[in-house]
Amino acid sequence: MQNKFIYWWQKCLRFIVVRLAILPNKVAAMVAVVTISMLGMQVGATPMSYAITISQASVAVNPSKYIQHKQTTLEAKVPNINVYRSPDCSCCGGWIAHLKTQGFSIQDFPTPDIDAVKQRYKVPDNLTSCHTAIVNGYVIEGHVPANDIKRLLQERPNVSGLSVPQMPVGTPGMEIGNKFDPFTVYSFAPKNKIMVFNDYPLRTN
């Protein structure tokens, strides 16, 4: 009887926390995150350490494409990636170096107006990062790991591209010692259709 009461109590609290988290008010969102931490519950798949600005209501989780960490072999034809970045962005260079080690051919295009590039390729405002790349018709926004790009090119899903929003520590090009933020790779498509493509939880080692 006690376990049943605890179950329903946690279910009610979970509903309240989710409603708070999707509010535009950042204070309310932070309250929700703290509440989640205190209760030891997971409201959704989205890590809260860096992506509070992404509305939980706008991100749909596709279980069949969730948590994919297997290495993907690159096809025989090496894809060319056009990378658009700010001339002063050093972390973008780190991400480019990561792609080169994974067999990608890079065309680097420094530009003073990176926002215009994002608008041109219709990157959702809540998924933007520091650089934007184009490969085989797909948009790659931010520090997306090379293996996720390989998987995208092999599976060819009906999406516009992939994004790692903002600049999580520990992503390719954003390495800072042993620090590592959990992060999510999102796919996006027209009409604000955003889904989880891959998830990288917090490292324990």
Protein backbone atom coordinates (compact mmCIF):
# COMPACT_ATOMS: atom_id res chain seq x y z
CA MET A 1 0.00 0.00 0.00
CA GLN A 2 2.86 2.34 0.88
CA ASN A 3 4.67 1.62 -2.40
CA LYS A 4 1.47 2.36 -4.34
CA PHE A 5 1.09 5.69 -2.53
CA ILE A 6 4.72 6.63 -3.30
CA TYR A 7 4.21 5.70 -6.97
CA TRP A 8 1.20 7.97 -7.39
CA TRP A 9 2.84 10.76 -5.39
CA GLN A 10 5.92 10.69 -7.64
CA LYS A 11 3.71 10.57 -10.74
CA CYS A 12 1.89 13.75 -9.64
CA LEU A 13 5.18 15.49 -8.84
CA ARG A 14 6.60 14.46 -12.22
CA PHE A 15 3.63 16.08 -13.99
CA ILE A 16 4.08 19.33 -12.04
CA VAL A 17 7.82 19.41 -12.73
CA VAL A 18 7.33 18.86 -16.47
CA ARG A 19 4.79 21.69 -16.66
CA LEU A 20 7.25 24.02 -14.89
CA ALA A 21 10.13 22.99 -17.14
CA ILE A 22 8.37 23.98 -20.37
CA LEU A 23 7.54 27.48 -19.15
CA PRO A 24 9.48 30.30 -20.86
CA ASN A 25 10.39 31.72 -17.49
CA LYS A 26 13.97 30.61 -16.80
CA VAL A 27 13.48 30.88 -13.03
CA ALA A 28 10.61 28.40 -13.22
CA ALA A 29 12.72 26.10 -15.37
CA MET A 30 15.57 26.21 -12.87
CA VAL A 31 13.15 25.41 -10.04
CA ALA A 32 12.02 22.39 -12.04
CA VAL A 33 15.61 21.21 -12.56
CA VAL A 34 16.43 21.53 -8.85
CA THR A 35 13.24 19.66 -7.98
CA ILE A 36 14.16 16.87 -10.35
CA SER A 37 17.60 16.57 -8.76
CA MET A 38 16.12 16.42 -5.25
CA LEU A 39 13.58 13.76 -6.19
CA GLY A 40 16.11 11.73 -8.17
CA MET A 41 13.74 11.54 -11.13
CA GLN A 42 14.30 11.92 -14.86
CA VAL A 43 11.63 13.97 -16.57
CA GLY A 44 12.88 13.35 -20.08
CA ALA A 45 15.85 12.47 -22.23
CA THR A 46 17.17 16.01 -22.52
CA PRO A 47 20.22 16.76 -20.32
CA MET A 48 19.55 19.90 -18.30
CA SER A 49 23.14 21.02 -17.76
CA TYR A 50 23.21 23.20 -20.88
CA ALA A 51 19.95 22.98 -22.82
CA ILE A 52 17.31 24.44 -20.52
CA THR A 53 16.35 26.80 -23.35
CA ILE A 54 15.05 23.87 -25.42
CA SER A 55 11.38 23.31 -24.65
CA GLN A 56 10.63 19.77 -23.52
CA ALA A 57 7.34 20.02 -25.40
CA SER A 58 9.12 20.65 -28.72
CA VAL A 59 11.43 17.62 -28.49
CA ALA A 60 9.91 14.24 -29.35
CA VAL A 61 11.91 11.15 -28.43
CA ASN A 62 12.19 8.33 -30.97
CA PRO A 63 13.04 5.24 -28.89
CA SER A 64 14.25 3.28 -31.92
CA LYS A 65 16.97 5.87 -32.53
CA TYR A 66 17.94 6.53 -28.91
CA ILE A 67 21.41 5.98 -27.44
CA GLN A 68 23.43 4.80 -30.41
CA HIS A 69 27.15 4.55 -29.56
CA LYS A 70 28.27 1.84 -32.00
CA GLN A 71 31.04 2.81 -34.39
CA THR A 72 29.87 3.33 -37.96
CA THR A 73 32.16 2.53 -40.89
CA LEU A 74 32.53 5.36 -43.38
CA GLU A 75 31.52 4.52 -46.93
CA ALA A 76 34.24 4.09 -49.56
CA LYS A 77 33.55 7.54 -51.02
CA VAL A 78 34.81 10.15 -48.58
CA PRO A 79 32.11 12.83 -48.12
CA ASN A 80 33.04 16.47 -48.42
CA ILE A 81 31.80 18.81 -45.69
CA ASN A 82 31.51 22.57 -46.11
CA VAL A 83 32.06 24.23 -42.74
CA TYR A 84 30.94 27.82 -42.11
CA ARG A 85 32.41 29.42 -39.00
CA SER A 86 33.50 32.67 -37.44
CA PRO A 87 37.14 33.49 -38.30
CA ASP A 88 37.91 33.87 -34.58
CA CYS A 89 36.38 30.56 -33.44
CA SER A 90 39.09 28.21 -32.14
CA CYS A 91 36.74 25.44 -31.01
CA CYS A 92 35.41 25.20 -34.58
CA GLY A 93 38.95 24.35 -35.66
CA GLY A 94 39.03 21.59 -33.04
CA TRP A 95 35.83 20.10 -34.46
CA ILE A 96 37.24 20.28 -37.99
CA ALA A 97 40.36 18.44 -36.82
CA HIS A 98 38.12 15.77 -35.26
CA LEU A 99 36.32 15.24 -38.58
CA LYS A 100 39.59 14.99 -40.49
CA THR A 101 40.82 12.22 -38.18
CA GLN A 102 37.59 10.36 -38.98
CA GLY A 103 38.20 10.48 -42.73
CA PHE A 104 36.11 13.48 -43.76
CA SER A 105 37.25 15.98 -46.40
CA ILE A 106 36.77 19.57 -45.21
CA GLN A 107 36.13 22.80 -47.07
CA ASP A 108 36.55 25.60 -44.51
CA PHE A 109 34.64 28.86 -45.06
CA PRO A 110 35.33 31.51 -42.38
CA THR A 111 32.56 34.13 -42.45
CA PRO A 112 31.86 37.22 -40.33
CA ASP A 113 28.09 36.67 -40.62
CA ILE A 114 27.51 33.14 -39.38
CA ASP A 115 23.92 34.02 -38.38
CA ALA A 116 23.05 34.59 -42.03
CA VAL A 117 24.27 31.06 -42.80
CA LYS A 118 22.06 29.59 -40.08
CA GLN A 119 19.06 31.49 -41.41
CA ARG A 120 19.80 30.36 -44.95
CA TYR A 121 19.77 26.70 -43.94
CA LYS A 122 16.84 27.17 -41.53
CA VAL A 123 18.53 26.01 -38.33
CA PRO A 124 15.96 26.26 -35.49
CA ASP A 125 16.75 29.08 -33.08
CA ASN A 126 16.76 26.74 -30.07
CA LEU A 127 19.30 24.39 -31.71
CA THR A 128 21.98 26.87 -32.78
CA SER A 129 25.67 26.56 -31.95
CA CYS A 130 28.92 28.19 -33.08
CA HIS A 131 29.36 26.72 -36.57
CA THR A 132 27.20 25.32 -39.37
CA ALA A 133 28.23 22.65 -41.87
CA ILE A 134 26.68 21.07 -44.96
CA VAL A 135 27.28 17.47 -46.05
CA ASN A 136 25.38 15.63 -48.81
CA GLY A 137 22.45 18.00 -48.41
CA TYR A 138 22.24 17.69 -44.61
CA VAL A 139 22.88 20.53 -42.14
CA ILE A 140 25.25 19.80 -39.26
CA GLU A 141 24.98 22.39 -36.49
CA GLY A 142 27.56 22.58 -33.72
CA HIS A 143 29.87 19.96 -32.22
CA VAL A 144 28.19 16.84 -33.59
CA PRO A 145 30.46 13.76 -33.24
CA ALA A 146 31.73 12.32 -36.52
CA ASN A 147 30.16 8.93 -35.82
CA ASP A 148 26.68 10.48 -35.70
CA ILE A 149 27.31 12.17 -39.05
CA LYS A 150 28.40 8.83 -40.53
CA ARG A 151 25.24 7.19 -39.26
CA LEU A 152 23.15 10.03 -40.71
CA LEU A 153 24.74 9.58 -44.14
CA GLN A 154 24.21 5.82 -44.13
CA GLU A 155 20.63 5.78 -42.83
CA ARG A 156 19.55 8.83 -44.87
CA PRO A 157 16.53 9.74 -42.68
CA ASN A 158 14.03 12.32 -43.89
CA VAL A 159 15.37 15.19 -41.79
CA SER A 160 17.09 18.50 -42.46
CA GLY A 161 20.10 17.74 -40.32
CA LEU A 162 21.64 17.24 -36.88
CA SER A 163 22.51 19.60 -34.05
CA VAL A 164 24.29 19.71 -30.73
CA PRO A 165 22.92 22.97 -29.28
CA GLN A 166 25.26 25.51 -27.72
CA MET A 167 28.76 24.27 -26.83
CA PRO A 168 28.77 21.41 -24.26
CA VAL A 169 32.14 20.70 -22.67
CA GLY A 170 33.58 17.37 -23.81
CA THR A 171 32.09 17.37 -27.29
CA PRO A 172 34.56 17.13 -30.23
CA GLY A 173 36.47 20.42 -30.32
CA MET A 174 35.30 21.40 -26.82
CA GLU A 175 37.60 19.17 -24.78
CA ILE A 176 38.70 20.71 -21.47
CA GLY A 177 40.79 18.22 -19.49
CA ASN A 178 38.61 15.50 -18.00
CA LYS A 179 35.49 17.66 -17.87
CA PHE A 180 32.46 16.32 -19.70
CA ASP A 181 28.87 17.57 -19.94
CA PRO A 182 26.12 15.12 -20.88
CA PHE A 183 24.71 16.16 -24.24
CA THR A 184 22.17 15.17 -26.86
CA VAL A 185 22.39 15.08 -30.65
CA TYR A 186 19.08 16.23 -32.12
CA SER A 187 17.69 15.75 -35.62
CA PHE A 188 15.48 18.51 -36.97
CA ALA A 189 13.07 18.89 -39.87
CA PRO A 190 10.63 21.53 -41.15
CA LYS A 191 7.68 22.63 -38.98
CA ASN A 192 9.88 22.50 -35.84
CA LYS A 193 10.01 18.71 -35.82
CA ILE A 194 12.84 17.93 -33.40
CA MET A 195 13.80 14.43 -32.27
CA VAL A 196 16.58 12.79 -30.27
CA PHE A 197 19.10 11.18 -32.63
CA ASN A 198 21.67 10.14 -30.03
CA ASP A 199 22.36 10.69 -26.35
CA TYR A 200 25.65 10.94 -24.48
CA PRO A 201 25.10 10.62 -20.71
CA LEU A 202 27.41 11.87 -18.00
CA ARG A 203 30.67 9.94 -17.86
CA THR A 204 31.44 8.31 -14.54
CA ASN A 205 35.14 7.62 -15.12
